[in-house]
Amino acid sequence: MLKIKLLSGIGLLILSIVGCYNDKEELLYPTANANDCSNPAIQKGPKFTAVESIINSKCVLCHNGNESPNLTTACNIVNEWSDINYRCVVLKNMPQNGPLPTTEQDAITAWVNAGHKYTD
């Protein structure tokens, strides 16, 4: 009886040690976030690139750090996606000199609908 208890105790010990072993590659070797807008090694997506171009040509003149929100960096554009969409597409009250052309509004909508990520 003592042998059975001892063996079962050892078996549980071995099982618990083996059960804690983790060989998942993504946990052992984490990679950079594929949507990290601050990582220059991550390629911008085409939808984001189109929106960034619109922001740079129509919005950064005012939203350059002196006026909120600051839209001078890719990360700021990604983080402000909701406000960009709301003001430029829903309300159509930005930029101040008149609404964006429909093609540019459509570009923002396409990016937002795709997930509004740096890599979209």
PDB file of N, CA and C in Angstrom:
ATOM      1  N   MET A   1       0.830  -1.181   0.000  1.00  0.00           N
ATOM      2  CA  MET A   1       0.000   0.000   0.000  1.00  0.00           C
ATOM      3  C   MET A   1       0.881   1.253   0.000  1.00  0.00           C
ATOM      4  N   LEU A   2       1.940   1.204   0.762  1.00  0.00           N
ATOM      5  CA  LEU A   2       2.853   2.334   0.822  1.00  0.00           C
ATOM      6  C   LEU A   2       3.507   2.576  -0.529  1.00  0.00           C
ATOM      7  N   LYS A   3       3.845   1.470  -1.274  1.00  0.00           N
ATOM      8  CA  LYS A   3       4.451   1.595  -2.587  1.00  0.00           C
ATOM      9  C   LYS A   3       3.502   2.291  -3.552  1.00  0.00           C
ATOM     10  N   ILE A   4       2.230   1.953  -3.503  1.00  0.00           N
ATOM     11  CA  ILE A   4       1.248   2.531  -4.412  1.00  0.00           C
ATOM     12  C   ILE A   4       1.097   4.018  -4.122  1.00  0.00           C
ATOM     13  N   LYS A   5       1.009   4.392  -2.860  1.00  0.00           N
ATOM     14  CA  LYS A   5       0.882   5.798  -2.507  1.00  0.00           C
ATOM     15  C   LYS A   5       2.122   6.567  -2.924  1.00  0.00           C
ATOM     16  N   LEU A   6       3.312   5.979  -2.705  1.00  0.00           N
ATOM     17  CA  LEU A   6       4.561   6.621  -3.066  1.00  0.00           C
ATOM     18  C   LEU A   6       4.644   6.802  -4.577  1.00  0.00           C
ATOM     19  N   LEU A   7       4.313   5.762  -5.346  1.00  0.00           N
ATOM     20  CA  LEU A   7       4.353   5.848  -6.803  1.00  0.00           C
ATOM     21  C   LEU A   7       3.331   6.841  -7.334  1.00  0.00           C
ATOM     22  N   SER A   8       2.143   6.833  -6.751  1.00  0.00           N
ATOM     23  CA  SER A   8       1.141   7.781  -7.232  1.00  0.00           C
ATOM     24  C   SER A   8       1.557   9.214  -6.887  1.00  0.00           C
ATOM     25  N   GLY A   9       2.198   9.403  -5.756  1.00  0.00           N
ATOM     26  CA  GLY A   9       2.698  10.728  -5.389  1.00  0.00           C
ATOM     27  C   GLY A   9       3.781  11.192  -6.344  1.00  0.00           C
ATOM     28  N   ILE A  10       4.685  10.302  -6.711  1.00  0.00           N
ATOM     29  CA  ILE A  10       5.746  10.634  -7.670  1.00  0.00           C
ATOM     30  C   ILE A  10       5.136  10.912  -9.039  1.00  0.00           C
ATOM     31  N   GLY A  11       4.149  10.111  -9.419  1.00  0.00           N
ATOM     32  CA  GLY A  11       3.468  10.307 -10.704  1.00  0.00           C
ATOM     33  C   GLY A  11       2.807  11.671 -10.779  1.00  0.00           C
ATOM     34  N   LEU A  12       2.165  12.071  -9.691  1.00  0.00           N
ATOM     35  CA  LEU A  12       1.535  13.384  -9.668  1.00  0.00           C
ATOM     36  C   LEU A  12       2.577  14.495  -9.754  1.00  0.00           C
ATOM     37  N   LEU A  13       3.687  14.289  -9.065  1.00  0.00           N
ATOM     38  CA  LEU A  13       4.764  15.270  -9.104  1.00  0.00           C
ATOM     39  C   LEU A  13       5.309  15.407 -10.517  1.00  0.00           C
ATOM     40  N   ILE A  14       5.563  14.288 -11.179  1.00  0.00           N
ATOM     41  CA  ILE A  14       6.076  14.318 -12.554  1.00  0.00           C
ATOM     42  C   ILE A  14       5.045  14.948 -13.484  1.00  0.00           C
ATOM     43  N   LEU A  15       3.791  14.576 -13.329  1.00  0.00           N
ATOM     44  CA  LEU A  15       2.730  15.110 -14.160  1.00  0.00           C
ATOM     45  C   LEU A  15       2.606  16.623 -13.985  1.00  0.00           C
ATOM     46  N   SER A  16       2.720  17.085 -12.760  1.00  0.00           N
ATOM     47  CA  SER A  16       2.591  18.522 -12.526  1.00  0.00           C
ATOM     48  C   SER A  16       3.782  19.284 -13.098  1.00  0.00           C
ATOM     49  N   ILE A  17       4.963  18.702 -13.070  1.00  0.00           N
ATOM     50  CA  ILE A  17       6.140  19.353 -13.646  1.00  0.00           C
ATOM     51  C   ILE A  17       6.018  19.385 -15.164  1.00  0.00           C
ATOM     52  N   VAL A  18       5.648  18.255 -15.758  1.00  0.00           N
ATOM     53  CA  VAL A  18       5.499  18.186 -17.206  1.00  0.00           C
ATOM     54  C   VAL A  18       4.365  19.102 -17.656  1.00  0.00           C
ATOM     55  N   GLY A  19       3.298  19.184 -16.880  1.00  0.00           N
ATOM     56  CA  GLY A  19       2.162  20.023 -17.234  1.00  0.00           C
ATOM     57  C   GLY A  19       2.508  21.498 -17.254  1.00  0.00           C
ATOM     58  N   CYS A  20       3.558  21.907 -16.567  1.00  0.00           N
ATOM     59  CA  CYS A  20       3.948  23.310 -16.544  1.00  0.00           C
ATOM     60  C   CYS A  20       4.895  23.664 -17.677  1.00  0.00           C
ATOM     61  N   TYR A  21       5.360  22.676 -18.380  1.00  0.00           N
ATOM     62  CA  TYR A  21       6.288  22.915 -19.475  1.00  0.00           C
ATOM     63  C   TYR A  21       5.568  23.613 -20.613  1.00  0.00           C
ATOM     64  N   ASN A  22       6.185  24.617 -21.163  1.00  0.00           N
ATOM     65  CA  ASN A  22       5.556  25.373 -22.242  1.00  0.00           C
ATOM     66  C   ASN A  22       6.530  25.476 -23.393  1.00  0.00           C
ATOM     67  N   ASP A  23       6.141  24.971 -24.557  1.00  0.00           N
ATOM     68  CA  ASP A  23       7.013  25.055 -25.719  1.00  0.00           C
ATOM     69  C   ASP A  23       6.363  25.803 -26.876  1.00  0.00           C
ATOM     70  N   LYS A  24       5.421  26.680 -26.556  1.00  0.00           N
ATOM     71  CA  LYS A  24       4.793  27.457 -27.615  1.00  0.00           C
ATOM     72  C   LYS A  24       5.778  28.507 -28.108  1.00  0.00           C
ATOM     73  N   GLU A  25       6.056  28.458 -29.397  1.00  0.00           N
ATOM     74  CA  GLU A  25       7.068  29.342 -29.982  1.00  0.00           C
ATOM     75  C   GLU A  25       6.738  30.820 -29.775  1.00  0.00           C
ATOM     76  N   GLU A  26       5.450  31.185 -29.911  1.00  0.00           N
ATOM     77  CA  GLU A  26       5.092  32.597 -29.779  1.00  0.00           C
ATOM     78  C   GLU A  26       5.292  33.111 -28.358  1.00  0.00           C
ATOM     79  N   LEU A  27       5.283  32.210 -27.371  1.00  0.00           N
ATOM     80  CA  LEU A  27       5.543  32.630 -25.994  1.00  0.00           C
ATOM     81  C   LEU A  27       7.038  32.638 -25.686  1.00  0.00           C
ATOM     82  N   LEU A  28       7.768  31.707 -26.295  1.00  0.00           N
ATOM     83  CA  LEU A  28       9.203  31.641 -26.056  1.00  0.00           C
ATOM     84  C   LEU A  28       9.964  32.723 -26.812  1.00  0.00           C
ATOM     85  N   TYR A  29       9.496  33.036 -28.022  1.00  0.00           N
ATOM     86  CA  TYR A  29      10.176  34.008 -28.868  1.00  0.00           C
ATOM     87  C   TYR A  29       9.168  35.047 -29.357  1.00  0.00           C
ATOM     88  N   PRO A  30       8.780  35.962 -28.490  1.00  0.00           N
ATOM     89  CA  PRO A  30       7.776  36.944 -28.907  1.00  0.00           C
ATOM     90  C   PRO A  30       8.322  37.839 -30.013  1.00  0.00           C
ATOM     91  N   THR A  31       7.466  38.146 -30.972  1.00  0.00           N
ATOM     92  CA  THR A  31       7.861  39.030 -32.066  1.00  0.00           C
ATOM     93  C   THR A  31       7.263  40.400 -31.820  1.00  0.00           C
ATOM     94  N   ALA A  32       7.731  41.356 -32.566  1.00  0.00           N
ATOM     95  CA  ALA A  32       7.209  42.715 -32.444  1.00  0.00           C
ATOM     96  C   ALA A  32       5.751  42.736 -32.877  1.00  0.00           C
ATOM     97  N   ASN A  33       4.986  43.601 -32.266  1.00  0.00           N
ATOM     98  CA  ASN A  33       3.593  43.774 -32.650  1.00  0.00           C
ATOM     99  C   ASN A  33       3.552  44.213 -34.101  1.00  0.00           C
ATOM    100  N   ALA A  34       2.838  43.444 -34.924  1.00  0.00           N
ATOM    101  CA  ALA A  34       2.793  43.722 -36.356  1.00  0.00           C
ATOM    102  C   ALA A  34       2.069  45.023 -36.675  1.00  0.00           C
ATOM    103  N   ASN A  35       1.409  45.610 -35.715  1.00  0.00           N
ATOM    104  CA  ASN A  35       0.697  46.857 -35.952  1.00  0.00           C
ATOM    105  C   ASN A  35       1.345  48.018 -35.196  1.00  0.00           C
ATOM    106  N   ASP A  36       2.596  47.873 -34.835  1.00  0.00           N
ATOM    107  CA  ASP A  36       3.298  48.885 -34.052  1.00  0.00           C
ATOM    108  C   ASP A  36       3.669  50.069 -34.939  1.00  0.00           C
ATOM    109  N   CYS A  37       2.907  51.146 -34.831  1.00  0.00           N
ATOM    110  CA  CYS A  37       3.118  52.319 -35.674  1.00  0.00           C
ATOM    111  C   CYS A  37       4.428  53.036 -35.367  1.00  0.00           C
ATOM    112  N   SER A  38       5.061  52.731 -34.252  1.00  0.00           N
ATOM    113  CA  SER A  38       6.320  53.398 -33.909  1.00  0.00           C
ATOM    114  C   SER A  38       7.536  52.610 -34.390  1.00  0.00           C
ATOM    115  N   ASN A  39       7.313  51.422 -34.960  1.00  0.00           N
ATOM    116  CA  ASN A  39       8.408  50.578 -35.410  1.00  0.00           C
ATOM    117  C   ASN A  39       8.638  50.803 -36.905  1.00  0.00           C
ATOM    118  N   PRO A  40       9.761  51.429 -37.292  1.00  0.00           N
ATOM    119  CA  PRO A  40      10.002  51.711 -38.706  1.00  0.00           C
ATOM    120  C   PRO A  40      10.172  50.447 -39.553  1.00  0.00           C
ATOM    121  N   ALA A  41      10.398  49.304 -38.923  1.00  0.00           N
ATOM    122  CA  ALA A  41      10.539  48.056 -39.673  1.00  0.00           C
ATOM    123  C   ALA A  41       9.193  47.501 -40.128  1.00  0.00           C
ATOM    124  N   ILE A  42       8.106  47.963 -39.527  1.00  0.00           N
ATOM    125  CA  ILE A  42       6.776  47.499 -39.892  1.00  0.00           C
ATOM    126  C   ILE A  42       6.282  48.342 -41.065  1.00  0.00           C
ATOM    127  N   GLN A  43       5.846  47.676 -42.109  1.00  0.00           N
ATOM    128  CA  GLN A  43       5.392  48.385 -43.305  1.00  0.00           C
ATOM    129  C   GLN A  43       3.982  48.927 -43.128  1.00  0.00           C
ATOM    130  N   LYS A  44       3.782  50.170 -43.551  1.00  0.00           N
ATOM    131  CA  LYS A  44       2.459  50.793 -43.511  1.00  0.00           C
ATOM    132  C   LYS A  44       1.560  50.108 -44.532  1.00  0.00           C
ATOM    133  N   GLY A  45       0.301  49.971 -44.157  1.00  0.00           N
ATOM    134  CA  GLY A  45      -0.663  49.417 -45.084  1.00  0.00           C
ATOM    135  C   GLY A  45      -1.115  50.456 -46.095  1.00  0.00           C
ATOM    136  N   PRO A  46      -1.661  50.020 -47.221  1.00  0.00           N
ATOM    137  CA  PRO A  46      -2.075  50.961 -48.268  1.00  0.00           C
ATOM    138  C   PRO A  46      -3.234  51.870 -47.850  1.00  0.00           C
ATOM    139  N   LYS A  47      -4.160  51.364 -47.071  1.00  0.00           N
ATOM    140  CA  LYS A  47      -5.286  52.199 -46.623  1.00  0.00           C
ATOM    141  C   LYS A  47      -4.797  53.257 -45.638  1.00  0.00           C
ATOM    142  N   PHE A  48      -3.911  52.846 -44.724  1.00  0.00           N
ATOM    143  CA  PHE A  48      -3.338  53.819 -43.793  1.00  0.00           C
ATOM    144  C   PHE A  48      -2.522  54.866 -44.548  1.00  0.00           C
ATOM    145  N   THR A  49      -1.734  54.431 -45.512  1.00  0.00           N
ATOM    146  CA  THR A  49      -0.898  55.356 -46.282  1.00  0.00           C
ATOM    147  C   THR A  49      -1.751  56.411 -46.978  1.00  0.00           C
ATOM    148  N   ALA A  50      -2.896  55.993 -47.524  1.00  0.00           N
ATOM    149  CA  ALA A  50      -3.798  56.958 -48.177  1.00  0.00           C
ATOM    150  C   ALA A  50      -4.324  57.978 -47.174  1.00  0.00           C
ATOM    151  N   VAL A  51      -4.721  57.499 -45.989  1.00  0.00           N
ATOM    152  CA  VAL A  51      -5.237  58.409 -44.955  1.00  0.00           C
ATOM    153  C   VAL A  51      -4.130  59.328 -44.452  1.00  0.00           C
ATOM    154  N   GLU A  52      -2.959  58.786 -44.238  1.00  0.00           N
ATOM    155  CA  GLU A  52      -1.830  59.607 -43.782  1.00  0.00           C
ATOM    156  C   GLU A  52      -1.534  60.721 -44.790  1.00  0.00           C
ATOM    157  N   SER A  53      -1.616  60.402 -46.061  1.00  0.00           N
ATOM    158  CA  SER A  53      -1.389  61.404 -47.097  1.00  0.00           C
ATOM    159  C   SER A  53      -2.437  62.524 -47.025  1.00  0.00           C
ATOM    160  N   ILE A  54      -3.690  62.144 -46.819  1.00  0.00           N
ATOM    161  CA  ILE A  54      -4.767  63.138 -46.670  1.00  0.00           C
ATOM    162  C   ILE A  54      -4.503  64.020 -45.449  1.00  0.00           C
ATOM    163  N   ILE A  55      -4.180  63.377 -44.334  1.00  0.00           N
ATOM    164  CA  ILE A  55      -3.914  64.112 -43.084  1.00  0.00           C
ATOM    165  C   ILE A  55      -2.751  65.083 -43.288  1.00  0.00           C
ATOM    166  N   ASN A  56      -1.676  64.606 -43.920  1.00  0.00           N
ATOM    167  CA  ASN A  56      -0.496  65.455 -44.125  1.00  0.00           C
ATOM    168  C   ASN A  56      -0.789  66.633 -45.043  1.00  0.00           C
ATOM    169  N   SER A  57      -1.656  66.450 -46.023  1.00  0.00           N
ATOM    170  CA  SER A  57      -1.918  67.544 -46.957  1.00  0.00           C
ATOM    171  C   SER A  57      -3.038  68.469 -46.503  1.00  0.00           C
ATOM    172  N   LYS A  58      -3.962  67.973 -45.670  1.00  0.00           N
ATOM    173  CA  LYS A  58      -5.133  68.784 -45.336  1.00  0.00           C
ATOM    174  C   LYS A  58      -5.264  69.152 -43.855  1.00  0.00           C
ATOM    175  N   CYS A  59      -4.592  68.425 -42.977  1.00  0.00           N
ATOM    176  CA  CYS A  59      -4.862  68.594 -41.543  1.00  0.00           C
ATOM    177  C   CYS A  59      -3.670  69.068 -40.717  1.00  0.00           C
ATOM    178  N   VAL A  60      -2.467  68.668 -41.110  1.00  0.00           N
ATOM    179  CA  VAL A  60      -1.286  68.922 -40.283  1.00  0.00           C
ATOM    180  C   VAL A  60      -0.942  70.407 -40.200  1.00  0.00           C
ATOM    181  N   LEU A  61      -1.401  71.189 -41.147  1.00  0.00           N
ATOM    182  CA  LEU A  61      -1.153  72.630 -41.075  1.00  0.00           C
ATOM    183  C   LEU A  61      -1.645  73.185 -39.735  1.00  0.00           C
ATOM    184  N   CYS A  62      -2.804  72.722 -39.300  1.00  0.00           N
ATOM    185  CA  CYS A  62      -3.349  73.156 -37.996  1.00  0.00           C
ATOM    186  C   CYS A  62      -3.015  72.170 -36.872  1.00  0.00           C
ATOM    187  N   HIS A  63      -3.174  70.885 -37.144  1.00  0.00           N
ATOM    188  CA  HIS A  63      -3.002  69.859 -36.108  1.00  0.00           C
ATOM    189  C   HIS A  63      -1.549  69.395 -36.059  1.00  0.00           C
ATOM    190  N   ASN A  64      -0.669  70.328 -35.700  1.00  0.00           N
ATOM    191  CA  ASN A  64       0.776  70.086 -35.714  1.00  0.00           C
ATOM    192  C   ASN A  64       1.404  70.089 -34.328  1.00  0.00           C
ATOM    193  N   GLY A  65       0.606  69.941 -33.326  1.00  0.00           N
ATOM    194  CA  GLY A  65       1.117  69.975 -31.964  1.00  0.00           C
ATOM    195  C   GLY A  65       0.676  71.215 -31.230  1.00  0.00           C
ATOM    196  N   ASN A  66       0.360  72.264 -31.986  1.00  0.00           N
ATOM    197  CA  ASN A  66      -0.147  73.487 -31.362  1.00  0.00           C
ATOM    198  C   ASN A  66      -1.643  73.396 -31.110  1.00  0.00           C
ATOM    199  N   GLU A  67      -2.315  72.637 -31.940  1.00  0.00           N
ATOM    200  CA  GLU A  67      -3.754  72.454 -31.803  1.00  0.00           C
ATOM    201  C   GLU A  67      -4.046  70.966 -31.646  1.00  0.00           C
ATOM    202  N   SER A  68      -4.975  70.649 -30.780  1.00  0.00           N
ATOM    203  CA  SER A  68      -5.299  69.253 -30.499  1.00  0.00           C
ATOM    204  C   SER A  68      -6.357  68.763 -31.472  1.00  0.00           C
ATOM    205  N   PRO A  69      -6.297  67.543 -31.923  1.00  0.00           N
ATOM    206  CA  PRO A  69      -5.237  66.565 -31.659  1.00  0.00           C
ATOM    207  C   PRO A  69      -4.030  66.797 -32.565  1.00  0.00           C
ATOM    208  N   ASN A  70      -2.886  66.368 -32.099  1.00  0.00           N
ATOM    209  CA  ASN A  70      -1.654  66.437 -32.871  1.00  0.00           C
ATOM    210  C   ASN A  70      -1.660  65.263 -33.855  1.00  0.00           C
ATOM    211  N   LEU A  71      -1.638  65.552 -35.140  1.00  0.00           N
ATOM    212  CA  LEU A  71      -1.698  64.499 -36.157  1.00  0.00           C
ATOM    213  C   LEU A  71      -0.408  64.408 -36.964  1.00  0.00           C
ATOM    214  N   THR A  72       0.716  64.747 -36.322  1.00  0.00           N
ATOM    215  CA  THR A  72       1.992  64.777 -37.043  1.00  0.00           C
ATOM    216  C   THR A  72       2.703  63.434 -37.094  1.00  0.00           C
ATOM    217  N   THR A  73       2.227  62.449 -36.355  1.00  0.00           N
ATOM    218  CA  THR A  73       2.889  61.136 -36.375  1.00  0.00           C
ATOM    219  C   THR A  73       1.890  60.051 -36.752  1.00  0.00           C
ATOM    220  N   ALA A  74       2.412  58.961 -37.267  1.00  0.00           N
ATOM    221  CA  ALA A  74       1.575  57.821 -37.643  1.00  0.00           C
ATOM    222  C   ALA A  74       0.797  57.301 -36.435  1.00  0.00           C
ATOM    223  N   CYS A  75       1.453  57.206 -35.292  1.00  0.00           N
ATOM    224  CA  CYS A  75       0.778  56.699 -34.085  1.00  0.00           C
ATOM    225  C   CYS A  75      -0.373  57.612 -33.674  1.00  0.00           C
ATOM    226  N   ASN A  76      -0.181  58.908 -33.787  1.00  0.00           N
ATOM    227  CA  ASN A  76      -1.261  59.826 -33.427  1.00  0.00           C
ATOM    228  C   ASN A  76      -2.446  59.673 -34.373  1.00  0.00           C
ATOM    229  N   ILE A  77      -2.172  59.461 -35.652  1.00  0.00           N
ATOM    230  CA  ILE A  77      -3.254  59.257 -36.615  1.00  0.00           C
ATOM    231  C   ILE A  77      -4.022  57.993 -36.258  1.00  0.00           C
ATOM    232  N   VAL A  78      -3.301  56.917 -35.978  1.00  0.00           N
ATOM    233  CA  VAL A  78      -3.952  55.651 -35.598  1.00  0.00           C
ATOM    234  C   VAL A  78      -4.772  55.837 -34.328  1.00  0.00           C
ATOM    235  N   ASN A  79      -4.220  56.518 -33.351  1.00  0.00           N
ATOM    236  CA  ASN A  79      -4.920  56.702 -32.072  1.00  0.00           C
ATOM    237  C   ASN A  79      -6.129  57.622 -32.186  1.00  0.00           C
ATOM    238  N   GLU A  80      -6.112  58.531 -33.152  1.00  0.00           N
ATOM    239  CA  GLU A  80      -7.204  59.500 -33.320  1.00  0.00           C
ATOM    240  C   GLU A  80      -8.188  59.087 -34.423  1.00  0.00           C
ATOM    241  N   TRP A  81      -8.165  57.813 -34.810  1.00  0.00           N
ATOM    242  CA  TRP A  81      -8.988  57.350 -35.933  1.00  0.00           C
ATOM    243  C   TRP A  81     -10.463  57.720 -35.777  1.00  0.00           C
ATOM    244  N   SER A  82     -10.988  57.577 -34.573  1.00  0.00           N
ATOM    245  CA  SER A  82     -12.414  57.819 -34.357  1.00  0.00           C
ATOM    246  C   SER A  82     -12.759  59.293 -34.574  1.00  0.00           C
ATOM    247  N   ASP A  83     -11.942  60.176 -34.024  1.00  0.00           N
ATOM    248  CA  ASP A  83     -12.188  61.613 -34.180  1.00  0.00           C
ATOM    249  C   ASP A  83     -11.998  62.045 -35.630  1.00  0.00           C
ATOM    250  N   ILE A  84     -10.994  61.490 -36.292  1.00  0.00           N
ATOM    251  CA  ILE A  84     -10.771  61.795 -37.711  1.00  0.00           C
ATOM    252  C   ILE A  84     -12.009  61.402 -38.521  1.00  0.00           C
ATOM    253  N   ASN A  85     -12.491  60.201 -38.298  1.00  0.00           N
ATOM    254  CA  ASN A  85     -13.671  59.722 -39.015  1.00  0.00           C
ATOM    255  C   ASN A  85     -14.897  60.576 -38.688  1.00  0.00           C
ATOM    256  N   TYR A  86     -15.088  60.850 -37.422  1.00  0.00           N
ATOM    257  CA  TYR A  86     -16.277  61.606 -36.995  1.00  0.00           C
ATOM    258  C   TYR A  86     -16.284  63.014 -37.583  1.00  0.00           C
ATOM    259  N   ARG A  87     -15.152  63.692 -37.496  1.00  0.00           N
ATOM    260  CA  ARG A  87     -15.106  65.094 -37.934  1.00  0.00           C
ATOM    261  C   ARG A  87     -15.056  65.220 -39.457  1.00  0.00           C
ATOM    262  N   CYS A  88     -14.330  64.314 -40.135  1.00  0.00           N
ATOM    263  CA  CYS A  88     -14.127  64.449 -41.586  1.00  0.00           C
ATOM    264  C   CYS A  88     -15.185  63.739 -42.426  1.00  0.00           C
ATOM    265  N   VAL A  89     -15.769  62.668 -41.884  1.00  0.00           N
ATOM    266  CA  VAL A  89     -16.708  61.872 -42.678  1.00  0.00           C
ATOM    267  C   VAL A  89     -18.147  62.016 -42.185  1.00  0.00           C
ATOM    268  N   VAL A  90     -18.349  61.961 -40.873  1.00  0.00           N
ATOM    269  CA  VAL A  90     -19.714  62.014 -40.332  1.00  0.00           C
ATOM    270  C   VAL A  90     -20.219  63.455 -40.300  1.00  0.00           C
ATOM    271  N   LEU A  91     -19.512  64.318 -39.558  1.00  0.00           N
ATOM    272  CA  LEU A  91     -19.945  65.715 -39.456  1.00  0.00           C
ATOM    273  C   LEU A  91     -19.560  66.549 -40.681  1.00  0.00           C
ATOM    274  N   LYS A  92     -18.473  66.171 -41.313  1.00  0.00           N
ATOM    275  CA  LYS A  92     -17.940  66.900 -42.484  1.00  0.00           C
ATOM    276  C   LYS A  92     -17.623  68.360 -42.159  1.00  0.00           C
ATOM    277  N   ASN A  93     -17.131  68.592 -40.921  1.00  0.00           N
ATOM    278  CA  ASN A  93     -16.780  69.961 -40.541  1.00  0.00           C
ATOM    279  C   ASN A  93     -15.265  70.162 -40.428  1.00  0.00           C
ATOM    280  N   MET A  94     -14.519  69.207 -40.908  1.00  0.00           N
ATOM    281  CA  MET A  94     -13.061  69.330 -40.978  1.00  0.00           C
ATOM    282  C   MET A  94     -12.632  68.836 -42.339  1.00  0.00           C
ATOM    283  N   PRO A  95     -11.652  69.473 -42.915  1.00  0.00           N
ATOM    284  CA  PRO A  95     -10.938  70.654 -42.453  1.00  0.00           C
ATOM    285  C   PRO A  95     -11.821  71.904 -42.442  1.00  0.00           C
ATOM    286  N   GLN A  96     -11.308  72.934 -41.807  1.00  0.00           N
ATOM    287  CA  GLN A  96     -12.103  74.143 -41.607  1.00  0.00           C
ATOM    288  C   GLN A  96     -12.461  74.859 -42.906  1.00  0.00           C
ATOM    289  N   ASN A  97     -11.665  74.668 -43.938  1.00  0.00           N
ATOM    290  CA  ASN A  97     -11.943  75.367 -45.198  1.00  0.00           C
ATOM    291  C   ASN A  97     -12.945  74.619 -46.076  1.00  0.00           C
ATOM    292  N   GLY A  98     -13.592  73.616 -45.530  1.00  0.00           N
ATOM    293  CA  GLY A  98     -14.623  72.883 -46.267  1.00  0.00           C
ATOM    294  C   GLY A  98     -14.417  71.389 -46.194  1.00  0.00           C
ATOM    295  N   PRO A  99     -15.471  70.639 -46.449  1.00  0.00           N
ATOM    296  CA  PRO A  99     -15.364  69.185 -46.327  1.00  0.00           C
ATOM    297  C   PRO A  99     -14.394  68.587 -47.345  1.00  0.00           C
ATOM    298  N   LEU A 100     -13.876  67.432 -46.979  1.00  0.00           N
ATOM    299  CA  LEU A 100     -12.993  66.704 -47.880  1.00  0.00           C
ATOM    300  C   LEU A 100     -13.783  66.228 -49.097  1.00  0.00           C
ATOM    301  N   PRO A 101     -13.112  66.087 -50.247  1.00  0.00           N
ATOM    302  CA  PRO A 101     -13.780  65.491 -51.400  1.00  0.00           C
ATOM    303  C   PRO A 101     -14.262  64.072 -51.059  1.00  0.00           C
ATOM    304  N   THR A 102     -15.270  63.631 -51.760  1.00  0.00           N
ATOM    305  CA  THR A 102     -15.852  62.310 -51.503  1.00  0.00           C
ATOM    306  C   THR A 102     -14.811  61.198 -51.590  1.00  0.00           C
ATOM    307  N   THR A 103     -13.890  61.297 -52.520  1.00  0.00           N
ATOM    308  CA  THR A 103     -12.875  60.243 -52.659  1.00  0.00           C
ATOM    309  C   THR A 103     -12.007  60.148 -51.408  1.00  0.00           C
ATOM    310  N   GLU A 104     -11.695  61.280 -50.786  1.00  0.00           N
ATOM    311  CA  GLU A 104     -10.885  61.270 -49.565  1.00  0.00           C
ATOM    312  C   GLU A 104     -11.710  60.787 -48.371  1.00  0.00           C
ATOM    313  N   GLN A 105     -12.972  61.168 -48.317  1.00  0.00           N
ATOM    314  CA  GLN A 105     -13.854  60.638 -47.270  1.00  0.00           C
ATOM    315  C   GLN A 105     -13.966  59.119 -47.411  1.00  0.00           C
ATOM    316  N   ASP A 106     -14.087  58.642 -48.651  1.00  0.00           N
ATOM    317  CA  ASP A 106     -14.173  57.202 -48.898  1.00  0.00           C
ATOM    318  C   ASP A 106     -12.889  56.485 -48.465  1.00  0.00           C
ATOM    319  N   ALA A 107     -11.749  57.124 -48.655  1.00  0.00           N
ATOM    320  CA  ALA A 107     -10.470  56.533 -48.238  1.00  0.00           C
ATOM    321  C   ALA A 107     -10.418  56.384 -46.718  1.00  0.00           C
ATOM    322  N   ILE A 108     -10.893  57.401 -46.005  1.00  0.00           N
ATOM    323  CA  ILE A 108     -10.939  57.327 -44.536  1.00  0.00           C
ATOM    324  C   ILE A 108     -11.902  56.225 -44.105  1.00  0.00           C
ATOM    325  N   THR A 109     -13.069  56.168 -44.730  1.00  0.00           N
ATOM    326  CA  THR A 109     -14.067  55.147 -44.400  1.00  0.00           C
ATOM    327  C   THR A 109     -13.515  53.749 -44.657  1.00  0.00           C
ATOM    328  N   ALA A 110     -12.819  53.562 -45.768  1.00  0.00           N
ATOM    329  CA  ALA A 110     -12.237  52.250 -46.089  1.00  0.00           C
ATOM    330  C   ALA A 110     -11.220  51.829 -45.032  1.00  0.00           C
ATOM    331  N   TRP A 111     -10.395  52.773 -44.586  1.00  0.00           N
ATOM    332  CA  TRP A 111      -9.387  52.472 -43.555  1.00  0.00           C
ATOM    333  C   TRP A 111     -10.067  52.136 -42.231  1.00  0.00           C
ATOM    334  N   VAL A 112     -11.056  52.922 -41.852  1.00  0.00           N
ATOM    335  CA  VAL A 112     -11.783  52.683 -40.593  1.00  0.00           C
ATOM    336  C   VAL A 112     -12.462  51.319 -40.642  1.00  0.00           C
ATOM    337  N   ASN A 113     -13.139  51.019 -41.740  1.00  0.00           N
ATOM    338  CA  ASN A 113     -13.852  49.748 -41.861  1.00  0.00           C
ATOM    339  C   ASN A 113     -12.917  48.543 -41.908  1.00  0.00           C
ATOM    340  N   ALA A 114     -11.691  48.754 -42.374  1.00  0.00           N
ATOM    341  CA  ALA A 114     -10.704  47.669 -42.424  1.00  0.00           C
ATOM    342  C   ALA A 114     -10.094  47.377 -41.056  1.00  0.00           C
ATOM    343  N   GLY A 115     -10.328  48.257 -40.089  1.00  0.00           N
ATOM    344  CA  GLY A 115      -9.778  48.022 -38.754  1.00  0.00           C
ATOM    345  C   GLY A 115      -8.992  49.202 -38.204  1.00  0.00           C
ATOM    346  N   HIS A 116      -8.837  50.252 -39.014  1.00  0.00           N
ATOM    347  CA  HIS A 116      -8.135  51.492 -38.637  1.00  0.00           C
ATOM    348  C   HIS A 116      -6.785  51.234 -37.978  1.00  0.00           C
ATOM    349  N   LYS A 117      -6.021  50.347 -38.612  1.00  0.00           N
ATOM    350  CA  LYS A 117      -4.695  50.013 -38.094  1.00  0.00           C
ATOM    351  C   LYS A 117      -3.611  50.575 -39.007  1.00  0.00           C
ATOM    352  N   TYR A 118      -2.438  50.631 -38.472  1.00  0.00           N
ATOM    353  CA  TYR A 118      -1.251  51.094 -39.197  1.00  0.00           C
ATOM    354  C   TYR A 118      -0.975  50.185 -40.397  1.00  0.00           C
ATOM    355  N   THR A 119      -1.238  48.905 -40.242  1.00  0.00           N
ATOM    356  CA  THR A 119      -0.927  47.942 -41.289  1.00  0.00           C
ATOM    357  C   THR A 119      -2.068  47.706 -42.269  1.00  0.00           C
ATOM    358  N   ASP A 120      -3.199  48.386 -42.076  1.00  0.00           N
ATOM    359  CA  ASP A 120      -4.329  48.216 -43.016  1.00  0.00           C
ATOM    360  C   ASP A 120      -4.070  48.969 -44.305  1.00  0.00           C
TER     361      ASP A 120
END
